[in-house]
Amino acid sequence: MIDEASVRRQYELLRPSLDERGRRLFAASQVRALGYGGLSLVASATGEPHRVYRRLVWLSHAAKATSSI
């Protein structure tokens, strides 16, 4: 199980080389990989509000659903 500290460590290592889009994509990929509860964990680990990532996660789920049709 991935905990908040490990997500925070990964984020802190990558953050200097990421622009805003990259930071959001990193967070959205983590949320998706973690599944249930991932949004809260990643938002807490990165210090960003939930609303920043919610739409990206929804879009990634929508894209996955349409690609499997």
C-alpha atoms as a PDB file:
ATOM      1  CA  MET A   1       0.000   0.000   0.000  1.00  0.00           C
ATOM      2  CA  ILE A   2       1.267   3.445  -0.892  1.00  0.00           C
ATOM      3  CA  ASP A   3       1.074   5.968   1.914  1.00  0.00           C
ATOM      4  CA  GLU A   4       1.044   9.734   1.931  1.00  0.00           C
ATOM      5  CA  ALA A   5       4.726   9.994   2.845  1.00  0.00           C
ATOM      6  CA  SER A   6       5.843   8.020  -0.219  1.00  0.00           C
ATOM      7  CA  VAL A   7       3.658  10.107  -2.557  1.00  0.00           C
ATOM      8  CA  ARG A   8       5.057  13.259  -0.962  1.00  0.00           C
ATOM      9  CA  ARG A   9       8.645  12.021  -1.439  1.00  0.00           C
ATOM     10  CA  GLN A  10       8.046  11.238  -5.113  1.00  0.00           C
ATOM     11  CA  TYR A  11       6.353  14.603  -5.616  1.00  0.00           C
ATOM     12  CA  GLU A  12       9.165  16.523  -3.916  1.00  0.00           C
ATOM     13  CA  LEU A  13      11.778  14.745  -6.044  1.00  0.00           C
ATOM     14  CA  LEU A  14      10.000  15.537  -9.313  1.00  0.00           C
ATOM     15  CA  ARG A  15       8.520  18.953  -8.535  1.00  0.00           C
ATOM     16  CA  PRO A  16      11.562  21.064  -9.513  1.00  0.00           C
ATOM     17  CA  SER A  17      11.505  19.660 -13.046  1.00  0.00           C
ATOM     18  CA  LEU A  18       7.723  19.794 -13.570  1.00  0.00           C
ATOM     19  CA  ASP A  19       5.631  22.692 -14.777  1.00  0.00           C
ATOM     20  CA  GLU A  20       2.035  23.105 -13.619  1.00  0.00           C
ATOM     21  CA  ARG A  21       0.698  20.680 -16.205  1.00  0.00           C
ATOM     22  CA  GLY A  22       3.302  18.094 -15.251  1.00  0.00           C
ATOM     23  CA  ARG A  23       2.466  18.426 -11.559  1.00  0.00           C
ATOM     24  CA  ARG A  24      -1.211  17.891 -12.270  1.00  0.00           C
ATOM     25  CA  LEU A  25      -0.536  14.900 -14.511  1.00  0.00           C
ATOM     26  CA  PHE A  26       1.705  13.344 -11.860  1.00  0.00           C
ATOM     27  CA  ALA A  27      -0.988  13.818  -9.248  1.00  0.00           C
ATOM     28  CA  ALA A  28      -3.760  12.486 -11.490  1.00  0.00           C
ATOM     29  CA  SER A  29      -1.735   9.383 -12.306  1.00  0.00           C
ATOM     30  CA  GLN A  30      -1.137   8.772  -8.612  1.00  0.00           C
ATOM     31  CA  VAL A  31      -4.833   9.209  -7.820  1.00  0.00           C
ATOM     32  CA  ARG A  32      -5.785   6.756 -10.515  1.00  0.00           C
ATOM     33  CA  ALA A  33      -3.170   4.202  -9.407  1.00  0.00           C
ATOM     34  CA  LEU A  34      -4.260   4.439  -5.769  1.00  0.00           C
ATOM     35  CA  GLY A  35      -7.957   4.051  -6.493  1.00  0.00           C
ATOM     36  CA  TYR A  36     -10.487   4.682  -3.722  1.00  0.00           C
ATOM     37  CA  GLY A  37      -9.235   7.371  -1.327  1.00  0.00           C
ATOM     38  CA  GLY A  38      -6.384   8.338  -3.635  1.00  0.00           C
ATOM     39  CA  LEU A  39      -7.733  11.811  -4.331  1.00  0.00           C
ATOM     40  CA  SER A  40      -7.650  12.797  -0.655  1.00  0.00           C
ATOM     41  CA  LEU A  41      -4.244  11.212  -0.105  1.00  0.00           C
ATOM     42  CA  VAL A  42      -2.620  12.902  -3.104  1.00  0.00           C
ATOM     43  CA  ALA A  43      -4.213  16.277  -2.388  1.00  0.00           C
ATOM     44  CA  SER A  44      -2.870  16.102   1.152  1.00  0.00           C
ATOM     45  CA  ALA A  45       0.586  14.931   0.037  1.00  0.00           C
ATOM     46  CA  THR A  46       0.974  17.658  -2.574  1.00  0.00           C
ATOM     47  CA  GLY A  47      -0.723  20.435  -0.638  1.00  0.00           C
ATOM     48  CA  GLU A  48      -3.176  21.154  -3.451  1.00  0.00           C
ATOM     49  CA  PRO A  49      -6.963  21.299  -3.025  1.00  0.00           C
ATOM     50  CA  HIS A  50      -9.067  18.360  -4.263  1.00  0.00           C
ATOM     51  CA  ARG A  51     -10.690  20.438  -7.003  1.00  0.00           C
ATOM     52  CA  VAL A  52      -7.352  20.780  -8.805  1.00  0.00           C
ATOM     53  CA  TYR A  53      -7.241  17.050  -9.557  1.00  0.00           C
ATOM     54  CA  ARG A  54     -10.870  15.978  -9.598  1.00  0.00           C
ATOM     55  CA  ARG A  55     -11.504  16.974 -13.229  1.00  0.00           C
ATOM     56  CA  LEU A  56      -8.296  15.361 -14.498  1.00  0.00           C
ATOM     57  CA  VAL A  57      -9.175  12.094 -12.777  1.00  0.00           C
ATOM     58  CA  TRP A  58     -12.707  12.204 -14.167  1.00  0.00           C
ATOM     59  CA  LEU A  59     -11.373  12.835 -17.669  1.00  0.00           C
ATOM     60  CA  SER A  60      -8.924   9.949 -17.436  1.00  0.00           C
ATOM     61  CA  HIS A  61     -11.714   7.593 -16.333  1.00  0.00           C
ATOM     62  CA  ALA A  62     -13.946   8.824 -19.156  1.00  0.00           C
ATOM     63  CA  ALA A  63     -11.178   8.261 -21.711  1.00  0.00           C
ATOM     64  CA  LYS A  64     -10.585   4.750 -20.427  1.00  0.00           C
ATOM     65  CA  ALA A  65     -14.302   3.928 -20.617  1.00  0.00           C
ATOM     66  CA  THR A  66     -14.620   5.096 -24.223  1.00  0.00           C
ATOM     67  CA  SER A  67     -11.450   3.322 -25.343  1.00  0.00           C
ATOM     68  CA  SER A  68     -12.761  -0.060 -24.174  1.00  0.00           C
ATOM     69  CA  ILE A  69     -15.921   0.151 -26.300  1.00  0.00           C
END
